[in-house]
């Protein structure tokens, strides 16, 4: 229901050097509920903020392009 654990895991592998920030991009498209203070903090974290890109809304055709060009998809459903 929240990307909190996913983001914690990504931060950990970045900090441990298992992946480089240039090797990953996280796109959050749509509404992301930031009521959890821990999630809000992670979204602003200096390690993660360089790889996280957010858009509240995109047209359907653009959303499909994002889906098709992704290596991994994660659906966050509140």
Protein backbone atom coordinates (compact mmCIF):
# COMPACT_ATOMS: atom_id res chain seq x y z
CA UNK A 1 0.00 0.00 0.00
CA UNK A 2 3.04 2.25 0.30
CA UNK A 3 6.47 2.32 -1.36
CA UNK A 4 8.17 2.76 2.03
CA UNK A 5 9.85 -0.66 2.22
CA UNK A 6 10.77 -0.55 -1.47
CA UNK A 7 12.50 2.81 -1.02
CA UNK A 8 14.30 1.61 2.11
CA UNK A 9 15.64 -1.35 0.13
CA UNK A 10 16.74 0.85 -2.78
CA UNK A 11 18.52 3.22 -0.39
CA UNK A 12 20.29 0.29 1.24
CA UNK A 13 21.62 -1.15 -2.02
CA UNK A 14 22.73 2.32 -3.11
CA UNK A 15 24.55 2.94 0.18
CA UNK A 16 26.21 -0.47 0.00
CA UNK A 17 27.36 0.24 -3.53
CA UNK A 18 25.51 -2.72 -5.03
CA UNK A 19 24.03 -0.38 -7.64
CA UNK A 20 25.08 3.10 -8.71
CA UNK A 21 22.66 6.02 -8.77
CA UNK A 22 23.28 6.35 -12.51
CA UNK A 23 21.97 2.81 -12.96
CA UNK A 24 18.49 3.37 -11.58
CA UNK A 25 15.61 5.78 -12.05
CA UNK A 26 12.37 5.60 -10.11
CA UNK A 27 9.31 7.25 -11.64
CA UNK A 28 6.29 7.78 -9.44
CA UNK A 29 3.38 8.69 -11.68
CA UNK A 30 0.09 9.62 -10.12
CA UNK A 31 -0.94 10.51 -6.60
CA UNK A 32 1.42 9.30 -3.89
CA UNK A 33 0.05 9.57 -0.36
CA UNK A 34 2.73 11.14 1.83
CA UNK A 35 0.84 11.03 5.13
CA UNK A 36 3.52 8.73 6.57
CA UNK A 37 6.31 10.99 7.92
CA UNK A 38 8.90 8.26 7.29
CA UNK A 39 7.90 8.07 3.62
CA UNK A 40 7.98 11.87 3.28
CA UNK A 41 11.50 11.87 4.75
CA UNK A 42 12.69 9.12 2.40
CA UNK A 43 11.34 10.99 -0.63
CA UNK A 44 13.52 13.96 0.37
CA UNK A 45 16.56 11.85 1.25
CA UNK A 46 19.69 13.12 -0.56
CA UNK A 47 20.62 9.60 -1.68
CA UNK A 48 17.18 8.88 -3.15
CA UNK A 49 16.12 12.32 -4.34
CA UNK A 50 18.53 12.20 -7.27
CA UNK A 51 16.89 9.06 -8.69
CA UNK A 52 13.23 9.69 -7.84
CA UNK A 53 11.13 11.55 -10.38
CA UNK A 54 7.50 12.38 -9.70
CA UNK A 55 4.59 13.39 -11.90
CA UNK A 56 1.05 13.76 -10.63
CA UNK A 57 -0.64 13.06 -13.94
CA UNK A 58 0.26 12.15 -17.49
CA UNK A 59 -1.97 11.52 -20.52
CA UNK A 60 -2.92 7.90 -21.12
CA UNK A 61 -0.63 7.49 -24.15
CA UNK A 62 2.34 8.78 -22.16
CA UNK A 63 1.49 6.44 -19.27
CA UNK A 64 1.51 3.50 -21.70
CA UNK A 65 4.92 4.62 -23.03
CA UNK A 66 6.25 4.66 -19.46
CA UNK A 67 4.87 1.17 -18.86
CA UNK A 68 6.39 -0.24 -22.05
CA UNK A 69 9.81 1.32 -21.47
CA UNK A 70 10.10 0.18 -17.84
CA UNK A 71 12.28 -2.69 -16.73
CA UNK A 72 10.22 -3.18 -13.56
CA UNK A 73 6.74 -2.00 -12.62
CA UNK A 74 5.51 -1.54 -9.06
CA UNK A 75 1.87 -0.73 -8.44
CA UNK A 76 1.26 1.22 -5.24
CA UNK A 77 -2.44 1.01 -4.43
CA UNK A 78 -3.62 2.88 -1.34
